[in-house]
Amino acid sequence: MPTYEYVCLKCGRPFEIRASLSEYSKGIRPKCPQCGSEKTIRAFRSVNVWTASRATARGGRSPGGGCGPGCACG
């Protein structure tokens, strides 16, 4: 069951809910667990995605030498 992130527009508290895809497609509007408000919006968090190139798959380094912008690992 997927986890969805929401933010309360009244108190500003972020929270998560678990709901099936069918529940979500019906347009669920969860209440804030902190203040009980129904004024909530879906939040989207950015994610990092690693992909393997031929160089990294063979144990080499990527052309940038790191894992992304601002990375101090490479």
N, C-alpha and C. Protein backbone atom coordinates (compact mmCIF):
# COMPACT_ATOMS: atom_id res chain seq x y z
N MET A 1 0.85 -1.16 0.00
CA MET A 1 0.00 0.00 0.00
C MET A 1 0.90 1.24 0.00
N PRO A 2 0.70 2.16 -0.95
CA PRO A 2 1.55 3.35 -1.02
C PRO A 2 1.36 4.30 0.15
N THR A 3 2.41 5.06 0.43
CA THR A 3 2.37 6.10 1.45
C THR A 3 2.31 7.44 0.74
N TYR A 4 1.40 8.29 1.18
CA TYR A 4 1.23 9.62 0.60
C TYR A 4 1.55 10.66 1.66
N GLU A 5 2.22 11.72 1.24
CA GLU A 5 2.58 12.79 2.16
C GLU A 5 1.64 13.97 1.97
N TYR A 6 1.21 14.53 3.09
CA TYR A 6 0.31 15.68 3.09
C TYR A 6 0.85 16.74 4.03
N VAL A 7 0.36 17.97 3.86
CA VAL A 7 0.67 19.07 4.75
C VAL A 7 -0.64 19.74 5.12
N CYS A 8 -0.79 20.06 6.39
CA CYS A 8 -1.98 20.75 6.87
C CYS A 8 -1.84 22.24 6.58
N LEU A 9 -2.85 22.83 5.95
CA LEU A 9 -2.81 24.25 5.64
C LEU A 9 -3.14 25.12 6.85
N LYS A 10 -3.71 24.52 7.88
CA LYS A 10 -4.06 25.28 9.08
C LYS A 10 -2.88 25.38 10.05
N CYS A 11 -2.28 24.24 10.40
CA CYS A 11 -1.20 24.26 11.39
C CYS A 11 0.19 24.07 10.78
N GLY A 12 0.24 23.69 9.49
CA GLY A 12 1.52 23.53 8.81
C GLY A 12 2.23 22.22 9.05
N ARG A 13 1.61 21.31 9.77
CA ARG A 13 2.26 20.04 10.11
C ARG A 13 2.24 19.07 8.93
N PRO A 14 3.41 18.52 8.55
CA PRO A 14 3.42 17.47 7.54
C PRO A 14 3.05 16.12 8.17
N PHE A 15 2.40 15.26 7.41
CA PHE A 15 2.06 13.93 7.91
C PHE A 15 1.91 12.98 6.73
N GLU A 16 1.93 11.70 7.01
CA GLU A 16 1.81 10.67 5.99
C GLU A 16 0.57 9.83 6.25
N ILE A 17 0.01 9.32 5.15
CA ILE A 17 -1.09 8.36 5.26
C ILE A 17 -0.78 7.20 4.33
N ARG A 18 -1.34 6.06 4.64
CA ARG A 18 -1.24 4.89 3.76
C ARG A 18 -2.63 4.65 3.21
N ALA A 19 -2.71 4.52 1.89
CA ALA A 19 -4.00 4.29 1.25
C ALA A 19 -3.78 3.47 -0.02
N SER A 20 -4.75 2.67 -0.36
CA SER A 20 -4.66 1.90 -1.59
C SER A 20 -4.80 2.83 -2.79
N LEU A 21 -4.38 2.37 -3.95
CA LEU A 21 -4.51 3.19 -5.16
C LEU A 21 -5.97 3.51 -5.46
N SER A 22 -6.86 2.56 -5.19
CA SER A 22 -8.28 2.81 -5.45
C SER A 22 -8.84 3.87 -4.48
N GLU A 23 -8.41 3.82 -3.22
CA GLU A 23 -8.83 4.85 -2.26
C GLU A 23 -8.35 6.23 -2.71
N TYR A 24 -7.07 6.28 -3.12
CA TYR A 24 -6.48 7.56 -3.53
C TYR A 24 -7.16 8.10 -4.78
N SER A 25 -7.47 7.22 -5.74
CA SER A 25 -8.10 7.68 -6.98
C SER A 25 -9.51 8.20 -6.76
N LYS A 26 -10.14 7.81 -5.66
CA LYS A 26 -11.48 8.32 -5.33
C LYS A 26 -11.44 9.72 -4.74
N GLY A 27 -10.23 10.23 -4.46
CA GLY A 27 -10.09 11.60 -3.98
C GLY A 27 -10.16 11.73 -2.47
N ILE A 28 -9.40 10.96 -1.76
CA ILE A 28 -9.40 11.03 -0.30
C ILE A 28 -8.92 12.41 0.16
N ARG A 29 -9.48 12.90 1.24
CA ARG A 29 -9.07 14.15 1.87
C ARG A 29 -8.82 13.86 3.35
N PRO A 30 -7.59 13.50 3.69
CA PRO A 30 -7.31 13.13 5.08
C PRO A 30 -7.34 14.32 6.02
N LYS A 31 -7.71 14.05 7.26
CA LYS A 31 -7.69 15.08 8.30
C LYS A 31 -6.30 15.12 8.92
N CYS A 32 -5.90 16.31 9.35
CA CYS A 32 -4.62 16.48 10.02
C CYS A 32 -4.67 15.78 11.38
N PRO A 33 -3.69 14.93 11.67
CA PRO A 33 -3.69 14.25 12.96
C PRO A 33 -3.38 15.19 14.13
N GLN A 34 -2.81 16.36 13.84
CA GLN A 34 -2.47 17.32 14.91
C GLN A 34 -3.68 18.16 15.33
N CYS A 35 -4.33 18.81 14.33
CA CYS A 35 -5.40 19.75 14.67
C CYS A 35 -6.78 19.32 14.18
N GLY A 36 -6.85 18.26 13.37
CA GLY A 36 -8.13 17.75 12.89
C GLY A 36 -8.68 18.48 11.67
N SER A 37 -7.95 19.44 11.13
CA SER A 37 -8.42 20.20 9.98
C SER A 37 -8.49 19.32 8.74
N GLU A 38 -9.48 19.59 7.90
CA GLU A 38 -9.59 18.90 6.62
C GLU A 38 -8.92 19.68 5.51
N LYS A 39 -8.32 20.82 5.83
CA LYS A 39 -7.63 21.65 4.85
C LYS A 39 -6.20 21.15 4.70
N THR A 40 -6.06 20.09 3.91
CA THR A 40 -4.76 19.47 3.70
C THR A 40 -4.48 19.40 2.21
N ILE A 41 -3.20 19.41 1.86
CA ILE A 41 -2.80 19.26 0.47
C ILE A 41 -1.73 18.19 0.37
N ARG A 42 -1.66 17.57 -0.79
CA ARG A 42 -0.65 16.55 -1.04
C ARG A 42 0.70 17.23 -1.22
N ALA A 43 1.71 16.69 -0.58
CA ALA A 43 3.07 17.22 -0.68
C ALA A 43 3.89 16.26 -1.54
N PHE A 44 4.83 16.81 -2.25
CA PHE A 44 5.71 15.99 -3.08
C PHE A 44 7.14 16.25 -2.66
N ARG A 45 7.84 15.21 -2.33
CA ARG A 45 9.23 15.30 -1.91
C ARG A 45 10.12 14.90 -3.07
N SER A 46 11.24 15.59 -3.20
CA SER A 46 12.17 15.22 -4.26
C SER A 46 12.94 13.97 -3.85
N VAL A 47 13.35 13.22 -4.83
CA VAL A 47 14.10 12.00 -4.58
C VAL A 47 15.35 11.98 -5.45
N ASN A 48 16.37 11.31 -4.99
CA ASN A 48 17.59 11.11 -5.78
C ASN A 48 17.51 9.74 -6.43
N VAL A 49 17.90 9.69 -7.69
CA VAL A 49 17.86 8.44 -8.43
C VAL A 49 19.24 8.16 -8.99
N TRP A 50 19.76 6.99 -8.69
CA TRP A 50 21.05 6.55 -9.22
C TRP A 50 20.81 5.73 -10.46
N THR A 51 21.61 5.99 -11.49
CA THR A 51 21.60 5.14 -12.67
C THR A 51 23.02 4.69 -12.94
N ALA A 52 23.17 3.53 -13.50
CA ALA A 52 24.50 2.99 -13.78
C ALA A 52 24.84 3.21 -15.24
N SER A 53 26.00 3.76 -15.49
CA SER A 53 26.49 3.86 -16.86
C SER A 53 27.43 2.69 -17.10
N ARG A 54 27.90 2.54 -18.31
CA ARG A 54 28.83 1.44 -18.57
C ARG A 54 30.11 1.61 -17.77
N ALA A 55 30.57 2.85 -17.60
CA ALA A 55 31.81 3.08 -16.84
C ALA A 55 31.63 2.69 -15.38
N THR A 56 30.51 3.07 -14.78
CA THR A 56 30.32 2.73 -13.37
C THR A 56 29.97 1.27 -13.19
N ALA A 57 29.34 0.67 -14.18
CA ALA A 57 29.02 -0.76 -14.08
C ALA A 57 30.29 -1.61 -14.12
N ARG A 58 31.36 -1.10 -14.74
CA ARG A 58 32.61 -1.84 -14.80
C ARG A 58 33.55 -1.45 -13.67
N GLY A 59 33.05 -0.66 -12.73
CA GLY A 59 33.89 -0.27 -11.60
C GLY A 59 34.62 1.05 -11.81
N GLY A 60 34.35 1.70 -12.95
CA GLY A 60 34.97 2.99 -13.20
C GLY A 60 34.21 4.12 -12.53
N ARG A 61 34.67 5.32 -12.75
CA ARG A 61 34.00 6.48 -12.17
C ARG A 61 33.16 7.15 -13.23
N SER A 62 32.13 7.83 -12.80
CA SER A 62 31.32 8.59 -13.74
C SER A 62 32.11 9.82 -14.19
N PRO A 63 31.79 10.40 -15.35
CA PRO A 63 32.55 11.54 -15.84
C PRO A 63 32.62 12.70 -14.86
N GLY A 64 31.57 12.91 -14.08
CA GLY A 64 31.56 14.01 -13.11
C GLY A 64 32.37 13.68 -11.86
N GLY A 65 32.67 12.42 -11.63
CA GLY A 65 33.46 12.01 -10.50
C GLY A 65 32.71 11.98 -9.18
N GLY A 66 31.41 12.17 -9.20
CA GLY A 66 30.64 12.18 -7.96
C GLY A 66 29.25 11.67 -8.18
N CYS A 67 28.39 11.90 -7.20
CA CYS A 67 27.04 11.38 -7.32
C CYS A 67 26.03 12.45 -7.70
N GLY A 68 26.46 13.67 -7.90
CA GLY A 68 25.53 14.70 -8.33
C GLY A 68 26.01 16.08 -7.94
N PRO A 69 25.26 17.10 -8.32
CA PRO A 69 25.65 18.48 -8.00
C PRO A 69 25.81 18.68 -6.50
N GLY A 70 26.88 19.30 -6.09
CA GLY A 70 27.10 19.59 -4.68
C GLY A 70 27.62 18.41 -3.89
N CYS A 71 27.89 17.30 -4.54
CA CYS A 71 28.33 16.11 -3.83
C CYS A 71 29.81 16.23 -3.47
N ALA A 72 30.17 15.83 -2.30
CA ALA A 72 31.55 15.89 -1.86
C ALA A 72 32.20 14.51 -1.86
N CYS A 73 31.54 13.52 -2.46
CA CYS A 73 32.07 12.16 -2.40
C CYS A 73 33.09 11.85 -3.48
N GLY A 74 33.16 12.64 -4.55
CA GLY A 74 34.03 12.26 -5.64
C GLY A 74 35.07 13.25 -5.88
